[in-house]
Amino acid sequence: MKSYITSDPKILGGTPVIKGTRIPVSRVIFLLKEGYTVEAIHQDYPHVPANVIETVIDEVVNMVDSSRNDQKISKVQVAS
């Protein structure tokens, strides 16, 4: 799967952004929290296709899930 999240020290000080933009991933998550739909976010940022916004959201979910699994494995190793 192609990654649409990137971090570069030269872009917003390394804040994770949507690749090819200066839109922080945290902004997308904030808008979702505020009740925006993917389509509404796309309307605010029409130069970013809706499917890219959906993929960014999926990537964030996968990162969180992966982080949780890493923590579970660490806890099991400590308990052993």
PDB file of N, CA and C in Angstrom:
ATOM      1  N   MET A   1       0.845  -1.177   0.000  1.00  0.00           N
ATOM      2  CA  MET A   1       0.000   0.000   0.000  1.00  0.00           C
ATOM      3  C   MET A   1       0.894   1.244   0.000  1.00  0.00           C
ATOM      4  N   LYS A   2       0.568   2.187  -0.852  1.00  0.00           N
ATOM      5  CA  LYS A   2       1.312   3.442  -0.945  1.00  0.00           C
ATOM      6  C   LYS A   2       0.996   4.312   0.263  1.00  0.00           C
ATOM      7  N   SER A   3       2.030   4.893   0.861  1.00  0.00           N
ATOM      8  CA  SER A   3       1.835   5.744   2.022  1.00  0.00           C
ATOM      9  C   SER A   3       1.596   7.186   1.589  1.00  0.00           C
ATOM     10  N   TYR A   4       0.588   7.790   2.169  1.00  0.00           N
ATOM     11  CA  TYR A   4       0.279   9.189   1.893  1.00  0.00           C
ATOM     12  C   TYR A   4       0.641  10.097   3.061  1.00  0.00           C
ATOM     13  N   ILE A   5       1.265   9.550   4.079  1.00  0.00           N
ATOM     14  CA  ILE A   5       1.712  10.352   5.212  1.00  0.00           C
ATOM     15  C   ILE A   5       3.226  10.450   5.146  1.00  0.00           C
ATOM     16  N   THR A   6       3.721  11.665   5.282  1.00  0.00           N
ATOM     17  CA  THR A   6       5.160  11.875   5.250  1.00  0.00           C
ATOM     18  C   THR A   6       5.552  12.894   6.308  1.00  0.00           C
ATOM     19  N   SER A   7       6.817  12.858   6.673  1.00  0.00           N
ATOM     20  CA  SER A   7       7.354  13.805   7.641  1.00  0.00           C
ATOM     21  C   SER A   7       8.720  14.242   7.154  1.00  0.00           C
ATOM     22  N   ASP A   8       8.888  15.558   7.027  1.00  0.00           N
ATOM     23  CA  ASP A   8      10.133  16.121   6.542  1.00  0.00           C
ATOM     24  C   ASP A   8      10.455  17.333   7.411  1.00  0.00           C
ATOM     25  N   PRO A   9      11.647  17.394   7.985  1.00  0.00           N
ATOM     26  CA  PRO A   9      11.998  18.538   8.835  1.00  0.00           C
ATOM     27  C   PRO A   9      11.838  19.890   8.130  1.00  0.00           C
ATOM     28  N   LYS A  10      11.875  19.890   6.800  1.00  0.00           N
ATOM     29  CA  LYS A  10      11.741  21.138   6.039  1.00  0.00           C
ATOM     30  C   LYS A  10      10.286  21.546   5.825  1.00  0.00           C
ATOM     31  N   ILE A  11       9.358  20.655   6.166  1.00  0.00           N
ATOM     32  CA  ILE A  11       7.930  20.953   5.986  1.00  0.00           C
ATOM     33  C   ILE A  11       7.267  20.953   7.350  1.00  0.00           C
ATOM     34  N   LEU A  12       6.814  22.120   7.775  1.00  0.00           N
ATOM     35  CA  LEU A  12       6.143  22.287   9.074  1.00  0.00           C
ATOM     36  C   LEU A  12       6.951  21.679  10.224  1.00  0.00           C
ATOM     37  N   GLY A  13       8.252  21.793  10.130  1.00  0.00           N
ATOM     38  CA  GLY A  13       9.121  21.325  11.208  1.00  0.00           C
ATOM     39  C   GLY A  13       9.072  19.824  11.453  1.00  0.00           C
ATOM     40  N   GLY A  14       8.694  19.062  10.436  1.00  0.00           N
ATOM     41  CA  GLY A  14       8.654  17.606  10.579  1.00  0.00           C
ATOM     42  C   GLY A  14       7.312  17.055  11.001  1.00  0.00           C
ATOM     43  N   THR A  15       6.316  17.918  11.148  1.00  0.00           N
ATOM     44  CA  THR A  15       4.967  17.459  11.484  1.00  0.00           C
ATOM     45  C   THR A  15       4.472  16.526  10.379  1.00  0.00           C
ATOM     46  N   PRO A  16       3.893  15.380  10.720  1.00  0.00           N
ATOM     47  CA  PRO A  16       3.349  14.501   9.678  1.00  0.00           C
ATOM     48  C   PRO A  16       2.265  15.221   8.870  1.00  0.00           C
ATOM     49  N   VAL A  17       2.419  15.170   7.555  1.00  0.00           N
ATOM     50  CA  VAL A  17       1.490  15.825   6.632  1.00  0.00           C
ATOM     51  C   VAL A  17       1.050  14.847   5.555  1.00  0.00           C
ATOM     52  N   ILE A  18      -0.005  15.232   4.831  1.00  0.00           N
ATOM     53  CA  ILE A  18      -0.404  14.471   3.654  1.00  0.00           C
ATOM     54  C   ILE A  18       0.640  14.732   2.585  1.00  0.00           C
ATOM     55  N   LYS A  19       1.205  13.662   2.044  1.00  0.00           N
ATOM     56  CA  LYS A  19       2.287  13.764   1.067  1.00  0.00           C
ATOM     57  C   LYS A  19       1.900  14.724  -0.061  1.00  0.00           C
ATOM     58  N   GLY A  20       2.833  15.614  -0.405  1.00  0.00           N
ATOM     59  CA  GLY A  20       2.620  16.568  -1.487  1.00  0.00           C
ATOM     60  C   GLY A  20       1.846  17.807  -1.066  1.00  0.00           C
ATOM     61  N   THR A  21       1.557  17.921   0.246  1.00  0.00           N
ATOM     62  CA  THR A  21       0.823  19.076   0.759  1.00  0.00           C
ATOM     63  C   THR A  21       1.496  19.574   2.031  1.00  0.00           C
ATOM     64  N   ARG A  22       0.927  20.615   2.589  1.00  0.00           N
ATOM     65  CA  ARG A  22       1.343  21.095   3.907  1.00  0.00           C
ATOM     66  C   ARG A  22       0.186  20.927   4.890  1.00  0.00           C
ATOM     67  N   ILE A  23      -0.684  19.965   4.616  1.00  0.00           N
ATOM     68  CA  ILE A  23      -1.852  19.710   5.463  1.00  0.00           C
ATOM     69  C   ILE A  23      -1.449  18.703   6.536  1.00  0.00           C
ATOM     70  N   PRO A  24      -1.418  19.135   7.801  1.00  0.00           N
ATOM     71  CA  PRO A  24      -1.059  18.201   8.864  1.00  0.00           C
ATOM     72  C   PRO A  24      -2.094  17.083   9.007  1.00  0.00           C
ATOM     73  N   VAL A  25      -1.613  15.893   9.223  1.00  0.00           N
ATOM     74  CA  VAL A  25      -2.506  14.760   9.454  1.00  0.00           C
ATOM     75  C   VAL A  25      -3.368  15.031  10.687  1.00  0.00           C
ATOM     76  N   SER A  26      -2.800  15.708  11.668  1.00  0.00           N
ATOM     77  CA  SER A  26      -3.565  16.031  12.873  1.00  0.00           C
ATOM     78  C   SER A  26      -4.767  16.909  12.547  1.00  0.00           C
ATOM     79  N   ARG A  27      -4.676  17.722  11.508  1.00  0.00           N
ATOM     80  CA  ARG A  27      -5.805  18.555  11.088  1.00  0.00           C
ATOM     81  C   ARG A  27      -6.953  17.682  10.574  1.00  0.00           C
ATOM     82  N   VAL A  28      -6.621  16.674   9.808  1.00  0.00           N
ATOM     83  CA  VAL A  28      -7.641  15.751   9.296  1.00  0.00           C
ATOM     84  C   VAL A  28      -8.337  15.047  10.459  1.00  0.00           C
ATOM     85  N   ILE A  29      -7.557  14.571  11.416  1.00  0.00           N
ATOM     86  CA  ILE A  29      -8.125  13.882  12.579  1.00  0.00           C
ATOM     87  C   ILE A  29      -8.988  14.841  13.393  1.00  0.00           C
ATOM     88  N   PHE A  30      -8.525  16.082  13.568  1.00  0.00           N
ATOM     89  CA  PHE A  30      -9.308  17.086  14.289  1.00  0.00           C
ATOM     90  C   PHE A  30     -10.647  17.317  13.591  1.00  0.00           C
ATOM     91  N   LEU A  31     -10.622  17.464  12.272  1.00  0.00           N
ATOM     92  CA  LEU A  31     -11.874  17.699  11.538  1.00  0.00           C
ATOM     93  C   LEU A  31     -12.822  16.516  11.676  1.00  0.00           C
ATOM     94  N   LEU A  32     -12.294  15.310  11.638  1.00  0.00           N
ATOM     95  CA  LEU A  32     -13.142  14.130  11.861  1.00  0.00           C
ATOM     96  C   LEU A  32     -13.781  14.184  13.242  1.00  0.00           C
ATOM     97  N   LYS A  33     -12.987  14.540  14.237  1.00  0.00           N
ATOM     98  CA  LYS A  33     -13.487  14.646  15.614  1.00  0.00           C
ATOM     99  C   LYS A  33     -14.602  15.683  15.707  1.00  0.00           C
ATOM    100  N   GLU A  34     -14.489  16.737  14.923  1.00  0.00           N
ATOM    101  CA  GLU A  34     -15.488  17.803  14.931  1.00  0.00           C
ATOM    102  C   GLU A  34     -16.731  17.446  14.129  1.00  0.00           C
ATOM    103  N   GLY A  35     -16.740  16.249  13.537  1.00  0.00           N
ATOM    104  CA  GLY A  35     -17.929  15.786  12.830  1.00  0.00           C
ATOM    105  C   GLY A  35     -17.892  15.929  11.316  1.00  0.00           C
ATOM    106  N   TYR A  36     -16.763  16.387  10.787  1.00  0.00           N
ATOM    107  CA  TYR A  36     -16.645  16.490   9.339  1.00  0.00           C
ATOM    108  C   TYR A  36     -16.647  15.101   8.714  1.00  0.00           C
ATOM    109  N   THR A  37     -17.204  15.005   7.531  1.00  0.00           N
ATOM    110  CA  THR A  37     -17.110  13.775   6.744  1.00  0.00           C
ATOM    111  C   THR A  37     -15.878  13.883   5.853  1.00  0.00           C
ATOM    112  N   VAL A  38     -15.499  12.782   5.252  1.00  0.00           N
ATOM    113  CA  VAL A  38     -14.381  12.807   4.304  1.00  0.00           C
ATOM    114  C   VAL A  38     -14.702  13.780   3.172  1.00  0.00           C
ATOM    115  N   GLU A  39     -15.941  13.765   2.715  1.00  0.00           N
ATOM    116  CA  GLU A  39     -16.338  14.667   1.628  1.00  0.00           C
ATOM    117  C   GLU A  39     -16.232  16.130   2.051  1.00  0.00           C
ATOM    118  N   ALA A  40     -16.605  16.451   3.282  1.00  0.00           N
ATOM    119  CA  ALA A  40     -16.498  17.829   3.773  1.00  0.00           C
ATOM    120  C   ALA A  40     -15.033  18.258   3.867  1.00  0.00           C
ATOM    121  N   ILE A  41     -14.173  17.336   4.299  1.00  0.00           N
ATOM    122  CA  ILE A  41     -12.735  17.648   4.358  1.00  0.00           C
ATOM    123  C   ILE A  41     -12.209  17.884   2.948  1.00  0.00           C
ATOM    124  N   HIS A  42     -12.648  17.048   2.038  1.00  0.00           N
ATOM    125  CA  HIS A  42     -12.248  17.197   0.628  1.00  0.00           C
ATOM    126  C   HIS A  42     -12.715  18.552   0.079  1.00  0.00           C
ATOM    127  N   GLN A  43     -13.887  18.992   0.472  1.00  0.00           N
ATOM    128  CA  GLN A  43     -14.370  20.304   0.020  1.00  0.00           C
ATOM    129  C   GLN A  43     -13.492  21.433   0.564  1.00  0.00           C
ATOM    130  N   ASP A  44     -12.987  21.277   1.787  1.00  0.00           N
ATOM    131  CA  ASP A  44     -12.071  22.273   2.352  1.00  0.00           C
ATOM    132  C   ASP A  44     -10.705  22.238   1.662  1.00  0.00           C
ATOM    133  N   TYR A  45     -10.316  21.068   1.201  1.00  0.00           N
ATOM    134  CA  TYR A  45      -9.018  20.875   0.540  1.00  0.00           C
ATOM    135  C   TYR A  45      -9.249  20.170  -0.803  1.00  0.00           C
ATOM    136  N   PRO A  46      -9.854  20.867  -1.773  1.00  0.00           N
ATOM    137  CA  PRO A  46     -10.246  20.211  -3.037  1.00  0.00           C
ATOM    138  C   PRO A  46      -9.072  19.668  -3.854  1.00  0.00           C
ATOM    139  N   HIS A  47      -7.860  20.134  -3.575  1.00  0.00           N
ATOM    140  CA  HIS A  47      -6.692  19.628  -4.301  1.00  0.00           C
ATOM    141  C   HIS A  47      -6.244  18.255  -3.795  1.00  0.00           C
ATOM    142  N   VAL A  48      -6.862  17.784  -2.698  1.00  0.00           N
ATOM    143  CA  VAL A  48      -6.555  16.451  -2.176  1.00  0.00           C
ATOM    144  C   VAL A  48      -7.757  15.551  -2.468  1.00  0.00           C
ATOM    145  N   PRO A  49      -7.561  14.529  -3.296  1.00  0.00           N
ATOM    146  CA  PRO A  49      -8.680  13.643  -3.612  1.00  0.00           C
ATOM    147  C   PRO A  49      -9.263  12.969  -2.359  1.00  0.00           C
ATOM    148  N   ALA A  50     -10.561  12.753  -2.368  1.00  0.00           N
ATOM    149  CA  ALA A  50     -11.240  12.135  -1.224  1.00  0.00           C
ATOM    150  C   ALA A  50     -10.651  10.766  -0.909  1.00  0.00           C
ATOM    151  N   ASN A  51     -10.271  10.013  -1.933  1.00  0.00           N
ATOM    152  CA  ASN A  51      -9.710   8.676  -1.669  1.00  0.00           C
ATOM    153  C   ASN A  51      -8.356   8.770  -0.967  1.00  0.00           C
ATOM    154  N   VAL A  52      -7.605   9.845  -1.190  1.00  0.00           N
ATOM    155  CA  VAL A  52      -6.334  10.033  -0.487  1.00  0.00           C
ATOM    156  C   VAL A  52      -6.613  10.343   0.987  1.00  0.00           C
ATOM    157  N   ILE A  53      -7.617  11.176   1.254  1.00  0.00           N
ATOM    158  CA  ILE A  53      -7.992  11.487   2.636  1.00  0.00           C
ATOM    159  C   ILE A  53      -8.409  10.201   3.352  1.00  0.00           C
ATOM    160  N   GLU A  54      -9.200   9.360   2.686  1.00  0.00           N
ATOM    161  CA  GLU A  54      -9.610   8.080   3.282  1.00  0.00           C
ATOM    162  C   GLU A  54      -8.401   7.202   3.572  1.00  0.00           C
ATOM    163  N   THR A  55      -7.456   7.177   2.655  1.00  0.00           N
ATOM    164  CA  THR A  55      -6.259   6.356   2.847  1.00  0.00           C
ATOM    165  C   THR A  55      -5.424   6.876   4.009  1.00  0.00           C
ATOM    166  N   VAL A  56      -5.321   8.192   4.148  1.00  0.00           N
ATOM    167  CA  VAL A  56      -4.584   8.785   5.274  1.00  0.00           C
ATOM    168  C   VAL A  56      -5.230   8.352   6.589  1.00  0.00           C
ATOM    169  N   ILE A  57      -6.548   8.400   6.652  1.00  0.00           N
ATOM    170  CA  ILE A  57      -7.263   7.974   7.862  1.00  0.00           C
ATOM    171  C   ILE A  57      -6.974   6.506   8.146  1.00  0.00           C
ATOM    172  N   ASP A  58      -7.022   5.679   7.121  1.00  0.00           N
ATOM    173  CA  ASP A  58      -6.709   4.253   7.288  1.00  0.00           C
ATOM    174  C   ASP A  58      -5.282   4.054   7.799  1.00  0.00           C
ATOM    175  N   GLU A  59      -4.344   4.841   7.278  1.00  0.00           N
ATOM    176  CA  GLU A  59      -2.953   4.728   7.720  1.00  0.00           C
ATOM    177  C   GLU A  59      -2.817   5.067   9.201  1.00  0.00           C
ATOM    178  N   VAL A  60      -3.522   6.109   9.636  1.00  0.00           N
ATOM    179  CA  VAL A  60      -3.467   6.490  11.052  1.00  0.00           C
ATOM    180  C   VAL A  60      -4.029   5.361  11.910  1.00  0.00           C
ATOM    181  N   VAL A  61      -5.152   4.796  11.502  1.00  0.00           N
ATOM    182  CA  VAL A  61      -5.752   3.680  12.247  1.00  0.00           C
ATOM    183  C   VAL A  61      -4.773   2.516  12.315  1.00  0.00           C
ATOM    184  N   ASN A  62      -4.139   2.198  11.205  1.00  0.00           N
ATOM    185  CA  ASN A  62      -3.169   1.088  11.193  1.00  0.00           C
ATOM    186  C   ASN A  62      -1.980   1.377  12.104  1.00  0.00           C
ATOM    187  N   MET A  63      -1.528   2.636  12.144  1.00  0.00           N
ATOM    188  CA  MET A  63      -0.423   2.993  13.033  1.00  0.00           C
ATOM    189  C   MET A  63      -0.815   2.812  14.495  1.00  0.00           C
ATOM    190  N   VAL A  64      -2.024   3.227  14.831  1.00  0.00           N
ATOM    191  CA  VAL A  64      -2.492   3.088  16.210  1.00  0.00           C
ATOM    192  C   VAL A  64      -2.636   1.615  16.555  1.00  0.00           C
ATOM    193  N   ASP A  65      -3.247   0.848  15.652  1.00  0.00           N
ATOM    194  CA  ASP A  65      -3.403  -0.586  15.900  1.00  0.00           C
ATOM    195  C   ASP A  65      -2.052  -1.264  16.055  1.00  0.00           C
ATOM    196  N   SER A  66      -1.101  -0.906  15.209  1.00  0.00           N
ATOM    197  CA  SER A  66       0.236  -1.486  15.279  1.00  0.00           C
ATOM    198  C   SER A  66       0.906  -1.120  16.596  1.00  0.00           C
ATOM    199  N   SER A  67       0.740   0.113  17.016  1.00  0.00           N
ATOM    200  CA  SER A  67       1.306   0.565  18.279  1.00  0.00           C
ATOM    201  C   SER A  67       0.717  -0.211  19.442  1.00  0.00           C
ATOM    202  N   ARG A  68      -0.587  -0.433  19.410  1.00  0.00           N
ATOM    203  CA  ARG A  68      -1.237  -1.208  20.476  1.00  0.00           C
ATOM    204  C   ARG A  68      -0.708  -2.630  20.514  1.00  0.00           C
ATOM    205  N   ASN A  69      -0.524  -3.234  19.359  1.00  0.00           N
ATOM    206  CA  ASN A  69      -0.010  -4.606  19.311  1.00  0.00           C
ATOM    207  C   ASN A  69       1.420  -4.666  19.835  1.00  0.00           C
ATOM    208  N   ASP A  70       2.226  -3.645  19.498  1.00  0.00           N
ATOM    209  CA  ASP A  70       3.601  -3.595  20.001  1.00  0.00           C
ATOM    210  C   ASP A  70       3.604  -3.512  21.525  1.00  0.00           C
ATOM    211  N   GLN A  71       2.696  -2.713  22.091  1.00  0.00           N
ATOM    212  CA  GLN A  71       2.617  -2.578  23.540  1.00  0.00           C
ATOM    213  C   GLN A  71       2.179  -3.892  24.184  1.00  0.00           C
ATOM    214  N   LYS A  72       1.222  -4.592  23.553  1.00  0.00           N
ATOM    215  CA  LYS A  72       0.765  -5.870  24.090  1.00  0.00           C
ATOM    216  C   LYS A  72       1.917  -6.880  24.117  1.00  0.00           C
ATOM    217  N   ILE A  73       2.689  -6.895  23.046  1.00  0.00           N
ATOM    218  CA  ILE A  73       3.824  -7.828  22.979  1.00  0.00           C
ATOM    219  C   ILE A  73       4.834  -7.482  24.049  1.00  0.00           C
ATOM    220  N   SER A  74       5.111  -6.188  24.250  1.00  0.00           N
ATOM    221  CA  SER A  74       6.054  -5.770  25.283  1.00  0.00           C
ATOM    222  C   SER A  74       5.574  -6.189  26.678  1.00  0.00           C
ATOM    223  N   LYS A  75       4.292  -6.039  26.935  1.00  0.00           N
ATOM    224  CA  LYS A  75       3.736  -6.406  28.238  1.00  0.00           C
ATOM    225  C   LYS A  75       3.851  -7.901  28.473  1.00  0.00           C
ATOM    226  N   VAL A  76       3.614  -8.692  27.430  1.00  0.00           N
ATOM    227  CA  VAL A  76       3.722 -10.144  27.562  1.00  0.00           C
ATOM    228  C   VAL A  76       5.171 -10.530  27.843  1.00  0.00           C
ATOM    229  N   GLN A  77       6.123  -9.876  27.163  1.00  0.00           N
ATOM    230  CA  GLN A  77       7.527 -10.181  27.378  1.00  0.00           C
ATOM    231  C   GLN A  77       7.968  -9.817  28.789  1.00  0.00           C
ATOM    232  N   VAL A  78       7.469  -8.715  29.323  1.00  0.00           N
ATOM    233  CA  VAL A  78       7.813  -8.294  30.674  1.00  0.00           C
ATOM    234  C   VAL A  78       7.235  -9.269  31.689  1.00  0.00           C
ATOM    235  N   ALA A  79       6.022  -9.750  31.439  1.00  0.00           N
ATOM    236  CA  ALA A  79       5.357 -10.646  32.368  1.00  0.00           C
ATOM    237  C   ALA A  79       5.991 -12.038  32.392  1.00  0.00           C
ATOM    238  N   SER A  80       6.671 -12.398  31.335  1.00  0.00           N
ATOM    239  CA  SER A  80       7.251 -13.746  31.245  1.00  0.00           C
ATOM    240  C   SER A  80       8.399 -13.945  32.183  1.00  0.00           C
TER     241      SER A  80
END
